[in-house]
C-alpha atoms as a PDB file:
ATOM      1  CA  UNK A   1      -5.156   9.252  -0.906  1.00  0.00           C
ATOM      2  CA  UNK A   2      -1.548  10.029  -1.835  1.00  0.00           C
ATOM      3  CA  UNK A   3      -0.622  10.207   1.744  1.00  0.00           C
ATOM      4  CA  UNK A   4      -1.508   6.419   2.183  1.00  0.00           C
ATOM      5  CA  UNK A   5       1.276   5.325  -0.201  1.00  0.00           C
ATOM      6  CA  UNK A   6       5.094   5.732  -0.105  1.00  0.00           C
ATOM      7  CA  UNK A   7       7.249   5.748  -3.232  1.00  0.00           C
ATOM      8  CA  UNK A   8       9.859   3.019  -3.469  1.00  0.00           C
ATOM      9  CA  UNK A   9      13.289   4.052  -4.888  1.00  0.00           C
ATOM     10  CA  UNK A  10      12.085   2.935  -8.335  1.00  0.00           C
ATOM     11  CA  UNK A  11       8.946   5.190  -8.176  1.00  0.00           C
ATOM     12  CA  UNK A  12       6.492   2.448  -7.515  1.00  0.00           C
ATOM     13  CA  UNK A  13       3.867   3.346  -4.856  1.00  0.00           C
ATOM     14  CA  UNK A  14       3.389   0.984  -1.921  1.00  0.00           C
ATOM     15  CA  UNK A  15       0.652   1.495   0.624  1.00  0.00           C
ATOM     16  CA  UNK A  16       1.950   2.594   3.968  1.00  0.00           C
ATOM     17  CA  UNK A  17      -0.313   0.098   5.805  1.00  0.00           C
ATOM     18  CA  UNK A  18      -0.984  -3.357   4.679  1.00  0.00           C
ATOM     19  CA  UNK A  19      -2.441  -6.422   6.194  1.00  0.00           C
ATOM     20  CA  UNK A  20      -0.208  -9.367   7.160  1.00  0.00           C
ATOM     21  CA  UNK A  21      -1.890 -12.742   6.980  1.00  0.00           C
ATOM     22  CA  UNK A  22       0.593 -14.966   8.736  1.00  0.00           C
ATOM     23  CA  UNK A  23      -1.344 -17.875  10.521  1.00  0.00           C
ATOM     24  CA  UNK A  24      -4.663 -16.611   8.915  1.00  0.00           C
ATOM     25  CA  UNK A  25      -6.401 -19.895   7.973  1.00  0.00           C
ATOM     26  CA  UNK A  26      -8.423 -20.600   4.912  1.00  0.00           C
ATOM     27  CA  UNK A  27     -11.667 -20.415   6.842  1.00  0.00           C
ATOM     28  CA  UNK A  28     -10.718 -17.068   8.330  1.00  0.00           C
ATOM     29  CA  UNK A  29      -9.356 -15.548   5.122  1.00  0.00           C
ATOM     30  CA  UNK A  30     -12.545 -14.502   3.442  1.00  0.00           C
ATOM     31  CA  UNK A  31     -13.923 -12.549   6.417  1.00  0.00           C
ATOM     32  CA  UNK A  32     -10.484 -10.857   7.081  1.00  0.00           C
ATOM     33  CA  UNK A  33     -10.002  -9.797   3.560  1.00  0.00           C
ATOM     34  CA  UNK A  34     -13.571  -8.614   3.153  1.00  0.00           C
ATOM     35  CA  UNK A  35     -13.142  -6.481   6.250  1.00  0.00           C
ATOM     36  CA  UNK A  36      -9.860  -5.070   5.007  1.00  0.00           C
ATOM     37  CA  UNK A  37     -11.047  -4.215   1.685  1.00  0.00           C
ATOM     38  CA  UNK A  38     -14.081  -2.414   3.195  1.00  0.00           C
ATOM     39  CA  UNK A  39     -11.715  -0.477   5.535  1.00  0.00           C
ATOM     40  CA  UNK A  40      -9.598   0.744   2.628  1.00  0.00           C
ATOM     41  CA  UNK A  41      -6.676  -1.748   2.644  1.00  0.00           C
ATOM     42  CA  UNK A  42      -5.157  -2.480  -0.590  1.00  0.00           C
ATOM     43  CA  UNK A  43      -1.816  -4.024   0.277  1.00  0.00           C
ATOM     44  CA  UNK A  44      -1.635  -7.825   1.540  1.00  0.00           C
ATOM     45  CA  UNK A  45       1.472  -9.588   2.666  1.00  0.00           C
ATOM     46  CA  UNK A  46       1.772 -13.336   2.557  1.00  0.00           C
ATOM     47  CA  UNK A  47       4.528 -15.992   1.927  1.00  0.00           C
ATOM     48  CA  UNK A  48       5.006 -19.370   0.367  1.00  0.00           C
ATOM     49  CA  UNK A  49       5.787 -20.722   3.884  1.00  0.00           C
ATOM     50  CA  UNK A  50       2.453 -19.474   5.357  1.00  0.00           C
ATOM     51  CA  UNK A  51       0.547 -21.942   3.207  1.00  0.00           C
ATOM     52  CA  UNK A  52      -2.334 -19.448   2.646  1.00  0.00           C
ATOM     53  CA  UNK A  53      -1.454 -18.051  -0.819  1.00  0.00           C
ATOM     54  CA  UNK A  54      -4.214 -19.755  -2.518  1.00  0.00           C
ATOM     55  CA  UNK A  55      -6.696 -18.673   0.166  1.00  0.00           C
ATOM     56  CA  UNK A  56      -5.669 -14.996  -0.168  1.00  0.00           C
ATOM     57  CA  UNK A  57      -5.636 -15.161  -3.855  1.00  0.00           C
ATOM     58  CA  UNK A  58      -9.384 -16.456  -3.758  1.00  0.00           C
ATOM     59  CA  UNK A  59     -10.380 -13.953  -1.323  1.00  0.00           C
ATOM     60  CA  UNK A  60      -8.887 -11.005  -3.292  1.00  0.00           C
ATOM     61  CA  UNK A  61     -10.521 -12.182  -6.375  1.00  0.00           C
ATOM     62  CA  UNK A  62     -13.842 -12.468  -4.632  1.00  0.00           C
ATOM     63  CA  UNK A  63     -13.443  -8.879  -3.353  1.00  0.00           C
ATOM     64  CA  UNK A  64     -14.093  -7.453  -6.856  1.00  0.00           C
ATOM     65  CA  UNK A  65     -11.202  -5.003  -6.567  1.00  0.00           C
ATOM     66  CA  UNK A  66      -9.245  -4.781  -9.859  1.00  0.00           C
ATOM     67  CA  UNK A  67      -5.814  -6.422  -9.726  1.00  0.00           C
ATOM     68  CA  UNK A  68      -4.116  -3.158 -10.634  1.00  0.00           C
ATOM     69  CA  UNK A  69      -5.378  -1.651  -7.454  1.00  0.00           C
ATOM     70  CA  UNK A  70      -4.125  -4.276  -5.229  1.00  0.00           C
ATOM     71  CA  UNK A  71      -0.419  -4.465  -3.761  1.00  0.00           C
ATOM     72  CA  UNK A  72       0.411  -8.152  -3.257  1.00  0.00           C
ATOM     73  CA  UNK A  73       3.544  -9.237  -1.505  1.00  0.00           C
ATOM     74  CA  UNK A  74       4.951 -12.808  -1.163  1.00  0.00           C
ATOM     75  CA  UNK A  75       8.274 -14.376  -0.214  1.00  0.00           C
ATOM     76  CA  UNK A  76      10.787 -17.040  -1.291  1.00  0.00           C
ATOM     77  CA  UNK A  77      11.083 -19.639   1.664  1.00  0.00           C
ATOM     78  CA  UNK A  78      14.578 -20.640   2.902  1.00  0.00           C
ATOM     79  CA  UNK A  79      14.415 -24.201   1.595  1.00  0.00           C
ATOM     80  CA  UNK A  80      13.922 -23.077  -1.900  1.00  0.00           C
ATOM     81  CA  UNK A  81      16.784 -20.571  -2.104  1.00  0.00           C
ATOM     82  CA  UNK A  82      19.086 -20.958  -5.249  1.00  0.00           C
ATOM     83  CA  UNK A  83      18.837 -19.429  -8.745  1.00  0.00           C
ATOM     84  CA  UNK A  84      16.590 -21.935 -10.720  1.00  0.00           C
ATOM     85  CA  UNK A  85      14.718 -22.844  -7.488  1.00  0.00           C
ATOM     86  CA  UNK A  86      13.817 -19.263  -6.780  1.00  0.00           C
ATOM     87  CA  UNK A  87      12.344 -18.958 -10.301  1.00  0.00           C
ATOM     88  CA  UNK A  88      10.259 -22.129  -9.855  1.00  0.00           C
ATOM     89  CA  UNK A  89       8.904 -21.104  -6.510  1.00  0.00           C
ATOM     90  CA  UNK A  90       8.026 -17.572  -7.592  1.00  0.00           C
ATOM     91  CA  UNK A  91       5.917 -19.107 -10.329  1.00  0.00           C
ATOM     92  CA  UNK A  92       4.370 -21.422  -7.804  1.00  0.00           C
ATOM     93  CA  UNK A  93       3.366 -18.338  -5.729  1.00  0.00           C
ATOM     94  CA  UNK A  94       1.935 -16.662  -8.752  1.00  0.00           C
ATOM     95  CA  UNK A  95      -0.188 -19.856  -9.499  1.00  0.00           C
ATOM     96  CA  UNK A  96      -1.272 -20.126  -5.780  1.00  0.00           C
ATOM     97  CA  UNK A  97      -2.370 -16.479  -5.765  1.00  0.00           C
ATOM     98  CA  UNK A  98      -4.021 -16.629  -9.207  1.00  0.00           C
ATOM     99  CA  UNK A  99      -2.120 -13.505 -10.610  1.00  0.00           C
ATOM    100  CA  UNK A 100       0.349 -13.035 -13.425  1.00  0.00           C
ATOM    101  CA  UNK A 101       2.663 -10.622 -11.458  1.00  0.00           C
ATOM    102  CA  UNK A 102       3.512  -9.666  -7.946  1.00  0.00           C
ATOM    103  CA  UNK A 103       4.004  -6.116  -6.609  1.00  0.00           C
ATOM    104  CA  UNK A 104       6.815  -7.178  -4.363  1.00  0.00           C
ATOM    105  CA  UNK A 105       8.885 -10.414  -3.880  1.00  0.00           C
ATOM    106  CA  UNK A 106      11.185 -10.843  -1.011  1.00  0.00           C
ATOM    107  CA  UNK A 107      13.860 -13.337   0.199  1.00  0.00           C
ATOM    108  CA  UNK A 108      12.413 -14.406   3.517  1.00  0.00           C
ATOM    109  CA  UNK A 109      15.666 -14.857   5.498  1.00  0.00           C
ATOM    110  CA  UNK A 110      19.307 -14.574   4.471  1.00  0.00           C
ATOM    111  CA  UNK A 111      20.445 -17.932   5.690  1.00  0.00           C
ATOM    112  CA  UNK A 112      23.929 -16.828   5.214  1.00  0.00           C
ATOM    113  CA  UNK A 113      25.588 -20.028   6.307  1.00  0.00           C
ATOM    114  CA  UNK A 114      23.955 -21.616   3.187  1.00  0.00           C
ATOM    115  CA  UNK A 115      25.444 -18.899   0.903  1.00  0.00           C
ATOM    116  CA  UNK A 116      22.629 -18.806  -1.478  1.00  0.00           C
ATOM    117  CA  UNK A 117      20.888 -15.633  -1.046  1.00  0.00           C
ATOM    118  CA  UNK A 118      23.026 -13.713  -3.604  1.00  0.00           C
ATOM    119  CA  UNK A 119      22.144 -16.181  -6.467  1.00  0.00           C
ATOM    120  CA  UNK A 120      18.473 -16.208  -5.358  1.00  0.00           C
ATOM    121  CA  UNK A 121      18.478 -12.398  -5.412  1.00  0.00           C
ATOM    122  CA  UNK A 122      19.933 -12.399  -8.949  1.00  0.00           C
ATOM    123  CA  UNK A 123      16.931 -14.612  -9.882  1.00  0.00           C
ATOM    124  CA  UNK A 124      14.640 -11.810  -8.387  1.00  0.00           C
ATOM    125  CA  UNK A 125      16.577  -9.289 -10.514  1.00  0.00           C
ATOM    126  CA  UNK A 126      15.683 -11.444 -13.578  1.00  0.00           C
ATOM    127  CA  UNK A 127      12.031 -11.502 -12.633  1.00  0.00           C
ATOM    128  CA  UNK A 128      12.067  -7.712 -11.983  1.00  0.00           C
ATOM    129  CA  UNK A 129      13.723  -7.044 -15.406  1.00  0.00           C
ATOM    130  CA  UNK A 130      11.037  -9.317 -17.122  1.00  0.00           C
ATOM    131  CA  UNK A 131       8.164  -7.256 -15.463  1.00  0.00           C
ATOM    132  CA  UNK A 132       6.933 -10.231 -13.490  1.00  0.00           C
ATOM    133  CA  UNK A 133       7.430  -8.314 -10.226  1.00  0.00           C
ATOM    134  CA  UNK A 134       7.186  -4.480  -9.675  1.00  0.00           C
ATOM    135  CA  UNK A 135       9.741  -4.459  -6.886  1.00  0.00           C
ATOM    136  CA  UNK A 136      12.072  -6.809  -5.125  1.00  0.00           C
ATOM    137  CA  UNK A 137      13.743  -6.956  -1.655  1.00  0.00           C
ATOM    138  CA  UNK A 138      14.590  -8.905   1.240  1.00  0.00           C
ATOM    139  CA  UNK A 139      13.519  -9.722   4.842  1.00  0.00           C
ATOM    140  CA  UNK A 140      15.518 -10.001   7.938  1.00  0.00           C
ATOM    141  CA  UNK A 141      18.789  -8.733   6.454  1.00  0.00           C
ATOM    142  CA  UNK A 142      21.284  -6.978   8.703  1.00  0.00           C
ATOM    143  CA  UNK A 143      23.678  -4.428   7.560  1.00  0.00           C
ATOM    144  CA  UNK A 144      26.454  -7.067   6.743  1.00  0.00           C
ATOM    145  CA  UNK A 145      23.967  -9.044   4.582  1.00  0.00           C
ATOM    146  CA  UNK A 146      22.983  -5.980   2.704  1.00  0.00           C
ATOM    147  CA  UNK A 147      26.652  -4.861   2.169  1.00  0.00           C
ATOM    148  CA  UNK A 148      27.574  -8.331   0.750  1.00  0.00           C
ATOM    149  CA  UNK A 149      24.344  -8.492  -1.442  1.00  0.00           C
ATOM    150  CA  UNK A 150      24.720  -5.050  -2.949  1.00  0.00           C
ATOM    151  CA  UNK A 151      28.433  -5.570  -3.805  1.00  0.00           C
ATOM    152  CA  UNK A 152      27.460  -8.666  -5.634  1.00  0.00           C
ATOM    153  CA  UNK A 153      24.156  -7.465  -7.447  1.00  0.00           C
ATOM    154  CA  UNK A 154      22.900  -4.614  -9.604  1.00  0.00           C
ATOM    155  CA  UNK A 155      19.637  -3.550  -8.057  1.00  0.00           C
ATOM    156  CA  UNK A 156      19.514  -2.154  -4.467  1.00  0.00           C
ATOM    157  CA  UNK A 157      16.712  -3.845  -2.567  1.00  0.00           C
ATOM    158  CA  UNK A 158      13.541  -1.731  -2.751  1.00  0.00           C
ATOM    159  CA  UNK A 159      12.304  -3.128   0.686  1.00  0.00           C
ATOM    160  CA  UNK A 160      13.941  -4.615   3.823  1.00  0.00           C
ATOM    161  CA  UNK A 161      11.196  -6.297   5.976  1.00  0.00           C
ATOM    162  CA  UNK A 162      12.496  -6.702   9.515  1.00  0.00           C
ATOM    163  CA  UNK A 163      11.173  -7.009  13.066  1.00  0.00           C
ATOM    164  CA  UNK A 164      10.818  -3.449  14.380  1.00  0.00           C
ATOM    165  CA  UNK A 165       8.734  -1.966  17.287  1.00  0.00           C
ATOM    166  CA  UNK A 166       9.268   0.549  20.111  1.00  0.00           C
ATOM    167  CA  UNK A 167      11.193  -2.011  22.334  1.00  0.00           C
ATOM    168  CA  UNK A 168      13.442  -3.072  19.430  1.00  0.00           C
ATOM    169  CA  UNK A 169      13.583  -0.036  17.058  1.00  0.00           C
ATOM    170  CA  UNK A 170      16.778  -1.246  15.066  1.00  0.00           C
ATOM    171  CA  UNK A 171      17.748   2.411  14.543  1.00  0.00           C
ATOM    172  CA  UNK A 172      21.267   1.638  13.231  1.00  0.00           C
ATOM    173  CA  UNK A 173      19.740  -0.724  10.597  1.00  0.00           C
ATOM    174  CA  UNK A 174      17.016   1.811   9.891  1.00  0.00           C
ATOM    175  CA  UNK A 175      19.714   4.579   9.366  1.00  0.00           C
ATOM    176  CA  UNK A 176      21.614   2.302   7.020  1.00  0.00           C
ATOM    177  CA  UNK A 177      18.568   1.577   5.002  1.00  0.00           C
ATOM    178  CA  UNK A 178      17.516   5.208   4.753  1.00  0.00           C
ATOM    179  CA  UNK A 179      21.142   6.034   3.574  1.00  0.00           C
ATOM    180  CA  UNK A 180      20.697   3.383   0.702  1.00  0.00           C
ATOM    181  CA  UNK A 181      17.069   4.346  -0.151  1.00  0.00           C
ATOM    182  CA  UNK A 182      15.827   1.022   1.098  1.00  0.00           C
ATOM    183  CA  UNK A 183      12.392   1.298   2.480  1.00  0.00           C
ATOM    184  CA  UNK A 184      11.824  -0.487   5.805  1.00  0.00           C
ATOM    185  CA  UNK A 185       8.810  -2.488   6.299  1.00  0.00           C
ATOM    186  CA  UNK A 186       8.049  -3.483  10.029  1.00  0.00           C
ATOM    187  CA  UNK A 187       6.896  -6.906  10.779  1.00  0.00           C
ATOM    188  CA  UNK A 188       5.650  -7.555  14.267  1.00  0.00           C
ATOM    189  CA  UNK A 189       5.067  -3.877  14.427  1.00  0.00           C
ATOM    190  CA  UNK A 190       2.980  -3.932  17.662  1.00  0.00           C
ATOM    191  CA  UNK A 191       5.204  -6.693  19.209  1.00  0.00           C
ATOM    192  CA  UNK A 192       2.138  -8.917  19.258  1.00  0.00           C
ATOM    193  CA  UNK A 193       0.986  -6.956  22.313  1.00  0.00           C
ATOM    194  CA  UNK A 194       3.428  -8.607  24.608  1.00  0.00           C
ATOM    195  CA  UNK A 195       3.169  -5.859  27.234  1.00  0.00           C
ATOM    196  CA  UNK A 196       3.817  -2.910  24.884  1.00  0.00           C
ATOM    197  CA  UNK A 197       0.229  -1.648  24.898  1.00  0.00           C
ATOM    198  CA  UNK A 198       0.566  -1.157  28.646  1.00  0.00           C
ATOM    199  CA  UNK A 199       3.745   0.988  28.559  1.00  0.00           C
ATOM    200  CA  UNK A 200       2.989   4.306  30.349  1.00  0.00           C
ATOM    201  CA  UNK A 201       4.402   6.376  27.446  1.00  0.00           C
ATOM    202  CA  UNK A 202       2.159   4.702  25.010  1.00  0.00           C
ATOM    203  CA  UNK A 203      -0.884   4.775  27.158  1.00  0.00           C
ATOM    204  CA  UNK A 204      -0.466   8.509  27.959  1.00  0.00           C
ATOM    205  CA  UNK A 205      -0.235   9.290  24.252  1.00  0.00           C
ATOM    206  CA  UNK A 206      -3.256   7.066  23.479  1.00  0.00           C
ATOM    207  CA  UNK A 207      -5.354   9.065  25.979  1.00  0.00           C
ATOM    208  CA  UNK A 208      -3.972  12.423  24.777  1.00  0.00           C
ATOM    209  CA  UNK A 209      -4.972  11.573  21.184  1.00  0.00           C
ATOM    210  CA  UNK A 210      -8.009   9.716  21.817  1.00  0.00           C
ATOM    211  CA  UNK A 211      -6.546   6.752  19.970  1.00  0.00           C
ATOM    212  CA  UNK A 212      -5.663   3.171  21.063  1.00  0.00           C
ATOM    213  CA  UNK A 213      -2.025   2.100  21.869  1.00  0.00           C
ATOM    214  CA  UNK A 214      -1.933   0.203  18.711  1.00  0.00           C
ATOM    215  CA  UNK A 215      -2.798   3.393  16.603  1.00  0.00           C
ATOM    216  CA  UNK A 216      -0.135   5.326  18.592  1.00  0.00           C
ATOM    217  CA  UNK A 217       2.516   2.746  17.904  1.00  0.00           C
ATOM    218  CA  UNK A 218       1.476   2.459  14.050  1.00  0.00           C
ATOM    219  CA  UNK A 219       1.645   6.183  13.740  1.00  0.00           C
ATOM    220  CA  UNK A 220       5.129   6.213  15.236  1.00  0.00           C
ATOM    221  CA  UNK A 221       6.306   3.708  12.528  1.00  0.00           C
ATOM    222  CA  UNK A 222       4.968   5.949   9.835  1.00  0.00           C
ATOM    223  CA  UNK A 223       6.800   8.938  11.423  1.00  0.00           C
ATOM    224  CA  UNK A 224       9.970   7.086  10.745  1.00  0.00           C
ATOM    225  CA  UNK A 225       8.934   6.358   7.040  1.00  0.00           C
ATOM    226  CA  UNK A 226       8.384   2.744   7.648  1.00  0.00           C
ATOM    227  CA  UNK A 227       5.735   0.528   6.101  1.00  0.00           C
ATOM    228  CA  UNK A 228       3.710  -1.538   8.482  1.00  0.00           C
ATOM    229  CA  UNK A 229       1.795  -4.864   7.972  1.00  0.00           C
ATOM    230  CA  UNK A 230       0.089  -5.647  11.159  1.00  0.00           C
ATOM    231  CA  UNK A 231      -1.428  -9.026  11.263  1.00  0.00           C
ATOM    232  CA  UNK A 232      -5.035  -9.416  12.230  1.00  0.00           C
ATOM    233  CA  UNK A 233      -8.040 -11.612  11.457  1.00  0.00           C
ATOM    234  CA  UNK A 234     -10.589  -9.636  13.506  1.00  0.00           C
ATOM    235  CA  UNK A 235     -12.522  -7.092  11.681  1.00  0.00           C
ATOM    236  CA  UNK A 236     -12.574  -4.516  14.397  1.00  0.00           C
ATOM    237  CA  UNK A 237      -8.701  -4.662  14.846  1.00  0.00           C
ATOM    238  CA  UNK A 238      -8.200  -4.654  11.109  1.00  0.00           C
ATOM    239  CA  UNK A 239     -10.263  -1.435  11.020  1.00  0.00           C
ATOM    240  CA  UNK A 240      -8.469   0.010  14.064  1.00  0.00           C
ATOM    241  CA  UNK A 241      -4.984  -0.608  12.478  1.00  0.00           C
ATOM    242  CA  UNK A 242      -5.861   1.315   9.261  1.00  0.00           C
ATOM    243  CA  UNK A 243      -7.451   4.195  11.097  1.00  0.00           C
ATOM    244  CA  UNK A 244      -4.130   6.240  11.698  1.00  0.00           C
ATOM    245  CA  UNK A 245      -4.194   8.897   8.919  1.00  0.00           C
ATOM    246  CA  UNK A 246      -6.143  11.687  10.842  1.00  0.00           C
ATOM    247  CA  UNK A 247      -3.368  12.622  13.196  1.00  0.00           C
ATOM    248  CA  UNK A 248       0.407  13.180  13.733  1.00  0.00           C
ATOM    249  CA  UNK A 249       2.734  12.695  16.476  1.00  0.00           C
ATOM    250  CA  UNK A 250       4.939  15.742  17.627  1.00  0.00           C
ATOM    251  CA  UNK A 251       8.699  15.351  17.230  1.00  0.00           C
ATOM    252  CA  UNK A 252       9.147  15.338  21.009  1.00  0.00           C
ATOM    253  CA  UNK A 253       6.619  12.450  21.212  1.00  0.00           C
ATOM    254  CA  UNK A 254       8.297  10.381  18.439  1.00  0.00           C
ATOM    255  CA  UNK A 255      11.633  10.774  20.473  1.00  0.00           C
ATOM    256  CA  UNK A 256       9.892   9.741  23.577  1.00  0.00           C
ATOM    257  CA  UNK A 257       8.794   6.649  21.991  1.00  0.00           C
ATOM    258  CA  UNK A 258      12.211   6.037  20.536  1.00  0.00           C
ATOM    259  CA  UNK A 259      13.613   6.090  23.994  1.00  0.00           C
ATOM    260  CA  UNK A 260      11.696   3.123  24.874  1.00  0.00           C
ATOM    261  CA  UNK A 261      14.061   0.817  22.937  1.00  0.00           C
ATOM    262  CA  UNK A 262      15.405  -2.142  24.918  1.00  0.00           C
ATOM    263  CA  UNK A 263      16.940  -4.126  22.112  1.00  0.00           C
ATOM    264  CA  UNK A 264      14.193  -6.640  22.933  1.00  0.00           C
ATOM    265  CA  UNK A 265      14.134  -8.897  19.786  1.00  0.00           C
ATOM    266  CA  UNK A 266      10.991 -11.153  19.840  1.00  0.00           C
ATOM    267  CA  UNK A 267      11.764 -13.198  16.730  1.00  0.00           C
ATOM    268  CA  UNK A 268      14.809 -15.209  15.555  1.00  0.00           C
ATOM    269  CA  UNK A 269      18.198 -13.500  15.050  1.00  0.00           C
ATOM    270  CA  UNK A 270      18.787 -13.617  11.322  1.00  0.00           C
ATOM    271  CA  UNK A 271      22.397 -14.639  11.857  1.00  0.00           C
ATOM    272  CA  UNK A 272      21.045 -17.897  13.588  1.00  0.00           C
ATOM    273  CA  UNK A 273      18.585 -18.984  10.928  1.00  0.00           C
ATOM    274  CA  UNK A 274      19.723 -21.387   8.148  1.00  0.00           C
ATOM    275  CA  UNK A 275      17.989 -23.461   5.536  1.00  0.00           C
ATOM    276  CA  UNK A 276      16.081 -26.218   7.215  1.00  0.00           C
ATOM    277  CA  UNK A 277      15.347 -24.155  10.319  1.00  0.00           C
ATOM    278  CA  UNK A 278      11.841 -22.759  11.224  1.00  0.00           C
ATOM    279  CA  UNK A 279       9.758 -25.625  10.020  1.00  0.00           C
END
């Protein structure tokens, strides 16, 4: 359905809900991907760092869905930043996934102290211009990273994938990205259920709409024009996370969830991540 996709700034359509496969093992991948495909997922988010590109590629090939109907995202890991290294590791990801192009390729972290993300991004621009990737972008970039990047490169990132959830809504960064037509993708959109599902505002709306807390939260993300990639390997949860296109939250309800913000970052602060970290 058209409502299931969002056009990036270059006109390329990206599904609004994708499956994140962080920490999904090779043994778990086939079942997860089969369930996701059956439930209508066509977008899948992996990374070289996850060590499961090959498993994902094999599962997608076994699904029988034509390549052109899939949206595959991978990411350049920190240790491989640099112009030539970026090109090399992009090709390694293609080989791992068993495809000849990616739909989206992202720089995983800015690692500003190492000062390589601009030349890495210039390699992404080359890959984009050659048609080897349909869209390019970044992950975990704050406003100051984006400012520096856009001043030194030609293509505004199509995506900025960042940690976002009701307790850490990053509204200023969201506004900045909206202003520059950079689509935000939320990783950890459900805060990995660290108490968020029990929040009275969320449970009240879940009861009102006869939906689960996760579905309410994911619908809130979509109301802010964010793309979401909830990670799961459980077929029932995979199904639940995609079943959010049959209702809309009211503006007052969206504002109510907005008000839950506590600036409670769960992951690493991008300013504190450098090459060699996060092994």
